Amino acid sequence: MKPDPHPWASDRAQLHAEIWKRLTRGVHDRHAPARHPTLATATVEGKPKARTVVLRAADKVTGTLDIHTDLWSAKVAELRANPFAALHIWDASAHLQLRIEGQITISAGQDVAEIWEAVPAASRLSYGSTPAPGAPIAQALDYTKTADAGSFVVLRLEIETIDAVHLGPHHRRARFDRCDQWTGTWLAP
């Protein structure tokens, strides 16, 4: 039998460290799989919604992840009605699936002014669209984009649970919970 190419997957503490290493890389490396997770929310009617977002911050100490969005996007209204969300990440090179669940805090205005100042000028155009994101338009390009600090929102996911599945030569699955200080529990994959 050949050796496991991902030895970190066989130890819960190493697996947890590897998860955070990959999340942090996603913030800084535009080619990292964690850069573009899928965010899942529920509509006000209770229907599931999923969309690709960009991971903007990962803090292992606080157990939080940040995503930037437009104040007028549907996800903000959905999260105001139900602040629980999940992120999904598939890292093919590591054979690692992450399902991360928690509660989202929505911050805007003066609370995010310092973060807004660090957003590159070209990226600022993602926050301030007329009409609002998702509104019907007559033609594909019937909208305008203007950088608007008032439309800039930071969604902070306070992680409650990380469910990690490693699909290496031996499948392994572990769940890490905030309530047990992230010690983790092995689960059947």
C-alpha atoms as a PDB file:
ATOM      1  CA  MET A   1       0.000   0.000   0.000  1.00  0.00           C
ATOM      2  CA  LYS A   2       1.407   3.380  -0.925  1.00  0.00           C
ATOM      3  CA  PRO A   3       1.624   6.127   1.708  1.00  0.00           C
ATOM      4  CA  ASP A   4      -1.198   8.622   2.143  1.00  0.00           C
ATOM      5  CA  PRO A   5      -0.271  11.828   0.242  1.00  0.00           C
ATOM      6  CA  HIS A   6      -2.177  13.849   2.867  1.00  0.00           C
ATOM      7  CA  PRO A   7      -0.954  12.607   6.274  1.00  0.00           C
ATOM      8  CA  TRP A   8      -2.616  15.604   7.965  1.00  0.00           C
ATOM      9  CA  ALA A   9      -5.990  13.930   7.309  1.00  0.00           C
ATOM     10  CA  SER A  10      -5.332  11.121   9.795  1.00  0.00           C
ATOM     11  CA  ASP A  11      -5.017  13.365  12.871  1.00  0.00           C
ATOM     12  CA  ARG A  12      -7.885  15.649  13.983  1.00  0.00           C
ATOM     13  CA  ALA A  13      -5.627  18.445  15.238  1.00  0.00           C
ATOM     14  CA  GLN A  14      -3.574  18.398  12.022  1.00  0.00           C
ATOM     15  CA  LEU A  15      -6.739  18.265   9.934  1.00  0.00           C
ATOM     16  CA  HIS A  16      -8.147  21.293  11.764  1.00  0.00           C
ATOM     17  CA  ALA A  17      -4.875  23.174  11.212  1.00  0.00           C
ATOM     18  CA  GLU A  18      -4.903  22.224   7.508  1.00  0.00           C
ATOM     19  CA  ILE A  19      -8.480  23.490   7.146  1.00  0.00           C
ATOM     20  CA  TRP A  20      -7.478  26.916   8.493  1.00  0.00           C
ATOM     21  CA  LYS A  21      -4.320  26.955   6.382  1.00  0.00           C
ATOM     22  CA  ARG A  22      -6.465  26.436   3.283  1.00  0.00           C
ATOM     23  CA  LEU A  23      -9.079  28.999   4.355  1.00  0.00           C
ATOM     24  CA  THR A  24      -6.375  31.596   4.990  1.00  0.00           C
ATOM     25  CA  ARG A  25      -4.768  30.823   1.629  1.00  0.00           C
ATOM     26  CA  GLY A  26      -8.158  31.439   0.013  1.00  0.00           C
ATOM     27  CA  VAL A  27      -8.146  35.020   1.272  1.00  0.00           C
ATOM     28  CA  HIS A  28      -4.747  35.793  -0.251  1.00  0.00           C
ATOM     29  CA  ASP A  29      -4.475  33.520  -3.312  1.00  0.00           C
ATOM     30  CA  ARG A  30      -7.026  34.072  -6.084  1.00  0.00           C
ATOM     31  CA  HIS A  31      -6.308  30.562  -7.423  1.00  0.00           C
ATOM     32  CA  ALA A  32      -6.876  28.738  -4.128  1.00  0.00           C
ATOM     33  CA  PRO A  33     -10.068  26.635  -3.956  1.00  0.00           C
ATOM     34  CA  ALA A  34     -11.193  28.397  -0.754  1.00  0.00           C
ATOM     35  CA  ARG A  35     -11.138  31.745  -2.568  1.00  0.00           C
ATOM     36  CA  HIS A  36     -14.565  31.111  -4.134  1.00  0.00           C
ATOM     37  CA  PRO A  37     -16.772  29.128  -1.744  1.00  0.00           C
ATOM     38  CA  THR A  38     -20.456  28.538  -2.295  1.00  0.00           C
ATOM     39  CA  LEU A  39     -22.656  30.428   0.172  1.00  0.00           C
ATOM     40  CA  ALA A  40     -26.015  28.824   0.970  1.00  0.00           C
ATOM     41  CA  THR A  41     -28.872  30.724   2.581  1.00  0.00           C
ATOM     42  CA  ALA A  42     -32.642  30.317   2.786  1.00  0.00           C
ATOM     43  CA  THR A  43     -35.059  32.709   1.097  1.00  0.00           C
ATOM     44  CA  VAL A  44     -37.750  34.383   3.164  1.00  0.00           C
ATOM     45  CA  GLU A  45     -40.036  31.628   1.821  1.00  0.00           C
ATOM     46  CA  GLY A  46     -37.645  28.978   3.160  1.00  0.00           C
ATOM     47  CA  LYS A  47     -36.289  27.888  -0.223  1.00  0.00           C
ATOM     48  CA  PRO A  48     -32.549  27.180  -0.557  1.00  0.00           C
ATOM     49  CA  LYS A  49     -30.298  29.624  -2.416  1.00  0.00           C
ATOM     50  CA  ALA A  50     -26.651  29.058  -3.239  1.00  0.00           C
ATOM     51  CA  ARG A  51     -24.148  31.318  -4.950  1.00  0.00           C
ATOM     52  CA  THR A  52     -20.404  31.648  -5.383  1.00  0.00           C
ATOM     53  CA  VAL A  53     -18.825  34.382  -3.264  1.00  0.00           C
ATOM     54  CA  VAL A  54     -15.282  35.589  -2.575  1.00  0.00           C
ATOM     55  CA  LEU A  55     -13.668  34.860   0.774  1.00  0.00           C
ATOM     56  CA  ARG A  56     -12.213  38.149   2.059  1.00  0.00           C
ATOM     57  CA  ALA A  57     -11.032  37.288   5.600  1.00  0.00           C
ATOM     58  CA  ALA A  58     -10.417  34.169   7.688  1.00  0.00           C
ATOM     59  CA  ASP A  59      -9.609  34.418  11.399  1.00  0.00           C
ATOM     60  CA  LYS A  60      -8.811  31.156  13.165  1.00  0.00           C
ATOM     61  CA  VAL A  61      -8.650  32.830  16.600  1.00  0.00           C
ATOM     62  CA  THR A  62     -12.216  34.175  16.394  1.00  0.00           C
ATOM     63  CA  GLY A  63     -13.480  31.376  14.144  1.00  0.00           C
ATOM     64  CA  THR A  64     -14.892  33.803  11.590  1.00  0.00           C
ATOM     65  CA  LEU A  65     -14.963  34.222   7.814  1.00  0.00           C
ATOM     66  CA  ASP A  66     -15.803  37.453   5.946  1.00  0.00           C
ATOM     67  CA  ILE A  67     -17.537  37.979   2.612  1.00  0.00           C
ATOM     68  CA  HIS A  68     -18.240  41.349   0.976  1.00  0.00           C
ATOM     69  CA  THR A  69     -21.495  42.021  -0.840  1.00  0.00           C
ATOM     70  CA  ASP A  70     -23.895  44.706  -2.021  1.00  0.00           C
ATOM     71  CA  LEU A  71     -26.415  45.948   0.545  1.00  0.00           C
ATOM     72  CA  TRP A  72     -29.235  45.517  -1.985  1.00  0.00           C
ATOM     73  CA  SER A  73     -28.458  41.909  -2.925  1.00  0.00           C
ATOM     74  CA  ALA A  74     -31.026  39.229  -2.126  1.00  0.00           C
ATOM     75  CA  LYS A  75     -28.616  37.471   0.226  1.00  0.00           C
ATOM     76  CA  VAL A  76     -28.662  40.451   2.615  1.00  0.00           C
ATOM     77  CA  ALA A  77     -32.474  40.362   2.845  1.00  0.00           C
ATOM     78  CA  GLU A  78     -32.359  36.570   3.291  1.00  0.00           C
ATOM     79  CA  LEU A  79     -29.791  36.833   6.074  1.00  0.00           C
ATOM     80  CA  ARG A  80     -31.758  39.559   7.830  1.00  0.00           C
ATOM     81  CA  ALA A  81     -34.742  37.195   7.937  1.00  0.00           C
ATOM     82  CA  ASN A  82     -32.645  34.138   8.880  1.00  0.00           C
ATOM     83  CA  PRO A  83     -29.009  34.801   9.840  1.00  0.00           C
ATOM     84  CA  PHE A  84     -27.879  31.182   9.496  1.00  0.00           C
ATOM     85  CA  ALA A  85     -25.808  30.177   6.477  1.00  0.00           C
ATOM     86  CA  ALA A  86     -23.414  27.566   5.186  1.00  0.00           C
ATOM     87  CA  LEU A  87     -20.296  27.699   3.047  1.00  0.00           C
ATOM     88  CA  HIS A  88     -19.188  24.821   0.843  1.00  0.00           C
ATOM     89  CA  ILE A  89     -15.639  24.410  -0.443  1.00  0.00           C
ATOM     90  CA  TRP A  90     -14.280  21.617  -2.620  1.00  0.00           C
ATOM     91  CA  ASP A  91     -10.487  21.476  -2.724  1.00  0.00           C
ATOM     92  CA  ALA A  92      -9.720  18.958  -5.489  1.00  0.00           C
ATOM     93  CA  SER A  93      -5.948  18.942  -4.976  1.00  0.00           C
ATOM     94  CA  ALA A  94      -6.396  17.942  -1.322  1.00  0.00           C
ATOM     95  CA  HIS A  95      -9.451  15.730  -1.939  1.00  0.00           C
ATOM     96  CA  LEU A  96     -11.100  17.786   0.791  1.00  0.00           C
ATOM     97  CA  GLN A  97     -14.712  18.914   1.114  1.00  0.00           C
ATOM     98  CA  LEU A  98     -15.569  21.526   3.743  1.00  0.00           C
ATOM     99  CA  ARG A  99     -19.073  22.342   4.901  1.00  0.00           C
ATOM    100  CA  ILE A 100     -19.007  25.286   7.267  1.00  0.00           C
ATOM    101  CA  GLU A 101     -22.113  26.429   9.134  1.00  0.00           C
ATOM    102  CA  GLY A 102     -22.780  29.371  11.389  1.00  0.00           C
ATOM    103  CA  GLN A 103     -24.519  32.638  11.996  1.00  0.00           C
ATOM    104  CA  ILE A 104     -23.925  35.754   9.899  1.00  0.00           C
ATOM    105  CA  THR A 105     -23.603  39.277  11.198  1.00  0.00           C
ATOM    106  CA  ILE A 106     -24.276  42.040   8.656  1.00  0.00           C
ATOM    107  CA  SER A 107     -22.146  45.187   8.995  1.00  0.00           C
ATOM    108  CA  ALA A 108     -22.365  48.353   6.891  1.00  0.00           C
ATOM    109  CA  GLY A 109     -21.711  52.102   6.950  1.00  0.00           C
ATOM    110  CA  GLN A 110     -19.262  53.417   9.533  1.00  0.00           C
ATOM    111  CA  ASP A 111     -18.745  49.898  10.901  1.00  0.00           C
ATOM    112  CA  VAL A 112     -17.015  48.905   7.638  1.00  0.00           C
ATOM    113  CA  ALA A 113     -15.528  52.247   6.548  1.00  0.00           C
ATOM    114  CA  GLU A 114     -11.958  51.115   7.255  1.00  0.00           C
ATOM    115  CA  ILE A 115     -12.476  47.903   5.268  1.00  0.00           C
ATOM    116  CA  TRP A 116     -14.005  49.900   2.380  1.00  0.00           C
ATOM    117  CA  GLU A 117     -10.868  52.058   2.226  1.00  0.00           C
ATOM    118  CA  ALA A 118      -8.791  48.917   1.576  1.00  0.00           C
ATOM    119  CA  VAL A 119     -11.019  47.694  -1.287  1.00  0.00           C
ATOM    120  CA  PRO A 120      -9.269  48.331  -4.641  1.00  0.00           C
ATOM    121  CA  ALA A 121     -10.904  50.991  -6.821  1.00  0.00           C
ATOM    122  CA  ALA A 122     -11.850  48.507  -9.559  1.00  0.00           C
ATOM    123  CA  SER A 123     -13.469  46.172  -7.020  1.00  0.00           C
ATOM    124  CA  ARG A 124     -15.515  48.986  -5.497  1.00  0.00           C
ATOM    125  CA  LEU A 125     -17.702  48.959  -8.619  1.00  0.00           C
ATOM    126  CA  SER A 126     -19.191  45.690  -7.322  1.00  0.00           C
ATOM    127  CA  TYR A 127     -20.993  47.679  -4.630  1.00  0.00           C
ATOM    128  CA  GLY A 128     -23.499  50.127  -6.043  1.00  0.00           C
ATOM    129  CA  SER A 129     -25.539  48.909  -8.995  1.00  0.00           C
ATOM    130  CA  THR A 130     -28.601  50.540 -10.532  1.00  0.00           C
ATOM    131  CA  PRO A 131     -30.984  48.851 -10.543  1.00  0.00           C
ATOM    132  CA  ALA A 132     -30.298  46.643  -7.501  1.00  0.00           C
ATOM    133  CA  PRO A 133     -28.658  43.240  -8.072  1.00  0.00           C
ATOM    134  CA  GLY A 134     -31.208  40.693  -9.285  1.00  0.00           C
ATOM    135  CA  ALA A 135     -33.752  43.274 -10.498  1.00  0.00           C
ATOM    136  CA  PRO A 136     -35.262  42.530 -13.931  1.00  0.00           C
ATOM    137  CA  ILE A 137     -33.803  44.553 -16.823  1.00  0.00           C
ATOM    138  CA  ALA A 138     -34.856  44.812 -20.482  1.00  0.00           C
ATOM    139  CA  GLN A 139     -31.420  44.154 -22.012  1.00  0.00           C
ATOM    140  CA  ALA A 140     -28.342  42.349 -20.690  1.00  0.00           C
ATOM    141  CA  LEU A 141     -26.403  45.586 -20.140  1.00  0.00           C
ATOM    142  CA  ASP A 142     -29.229  47.833 -18.897  1.00  0.00           C
ATOM    143  CA  TYR A 143     -27.534  48.658 -15.597  1.00  0.00           C
ATOM    144  CA  THR A 144     -24.918  51.027 -14.255  1.00  0.00           C
ATOM    145  CA  LYS A 145     -22.240  50.413 -11.670  1.00  0.00           C
ATOM    146  CA  THR A 146     -20.986  53.177  -9.421  1.00  0.00           C
ATOM    147  CA  ALA A 147     -18.703  52.667  -6.438  1.00  0.00           C
ATOM    148  CA  ASP A 148     -20.934  53.370  -3.438  1.00  0.00           C
ATOM    149  CA  ALA A 149     -19.596  52.972   0.095  1.00  0.00           C
ATOM    150  CA  GLY A 150     -23.206  53.063   1.301  1.00  0.00           C
ATOM    151  CA  SER A 151     -23.928  49.838  -0.593  1.00  0.00           C
ATOM    152  CA  PHE A 152     -20.879  47.999   0.794  1.00  0.00           C
ATOM    153  CA  VAL A 153     -21.610  45.261   3.333  1.00  0.00           C
ATOM    154  CA  VAL A 154     -19.428  42.799   5.209  1.00  0.00           C
ATOM    155  CA  LEU A 155     -21.019  39.470   6.026  1.00  0.00           C
ATOM    156  CA  ARG A 156     -19.167  37.854   8.945  1.00  0.00           C
ATOM    157  CA  LEU A 157     -19.824  34.158   9.443  1.00  0.00           C
ATOM    158  CA  GLU A 158     -19.238  33.126  13.040  1.00  0.00           C
ATOM    159  CA  ILE A 159     -18.512  29.469  12.511  1.00  0.00           C
ATOM    160  CA  GLU A 160     -20.413  27.013  14.675  1.00  0.00           C
ATOM    161  CA  THR A 161     -19.460  23.805  12.844  1.00  0.00           C
ATOM    162  CA  ILE A 162     -16.942  22.605  10.278  1.00  0.00           C
ATOM    163  CA  ASP A 163     -17.658  19.241   8.651  1.00  0.00           C
ATOM    164  CA  ALA A 164     -14.578  18.039   6.757  1.00  0.00           C
ATOM    165  CA  VAL A 165     -14.515  15.023   4.438  1.00  0.00           C
ATOM    166  CA  HIS A 166     -11.166  13.832   3.073  1.00  0.00           C
ATOM    167  CA  LEU A 167     -11.521  11.491   0.093  1.00  0.00           C
ATOM    168  CA  GLY A 168      -7.975  10.123   0.046  1.00  0.00           C
ATOM    169  CA  PRO A 169      -6.976   6.441  -0.137  1.00  0.00           C
ATOM    170  CA  HIS A 170      -8.912   6.023   3.131  1.00  0.00           C
ATOM    171  CA  HIS A 171     -11.962   8.238   3.432  1.00  0.00           C
ATOM    172  CA  ARG A 172     -12.086  10.225   6.648  1.00  0.00           C
ATOM    173  CA  ARG A 173     -14.619  12.643   8.057  1.00  0.00           C
ATOM    174  CA  ALA A 174     -14.440  14.886  11.100  1.00  0.00           C
ATOM    175  CA  ARG A 175     -16.704  17.488  12.626  1.00  0.00           C
ATOM    176  CA  PHE A 176     -15.301  20.452  14.550  1.00  0.00           C
ATOM    177  CA  ASP A 177     -17.622  22.492  16.794  1.00  0.00           C
ATOM    178  CA  ARG A 178     -17.088  25.852  18.445  1.00  0.00           C
ATOM    179  CA  CYS A 179     -18.943  24.592  21.526  1.00  0.00           C
ATOM    180  CA  ASP A 180     -16.205  21.987  22.212  1.00  0.00           C
ATOM    181  CA  GLN A 181     -13.298  24.350  21.415  1.00  0.00           C
ATOM    182  CA  TRP A 182     -12.779  22.713  17.997  1.00  0.00           C
ATOM    183  CA  THR A 183     -11.402  19.423  19.419  1.00  0.00           C
ATOM    184  CA  GLY A 184     -13.334  17.486  16.794  1.00  0.00           C
ATOM    185  CA  THR A 185     -15.070  14.156  16.474  1.00  0.00           C
ATOM    186  CA  TRP A 186     -14.497  11.510  13.854  1.00  0.00           C
ATOM    187  CA  LEU A 187     -17.593  10.646  11.844  1.00  0.00           C
ATOM    188  CA  ALA A 188     -18.289   7.818   9.425  1.00  0.00           C
ATOM    189  CA  PRO A 189     -17.626   9.228   5.947  1.00  0.00           C
END
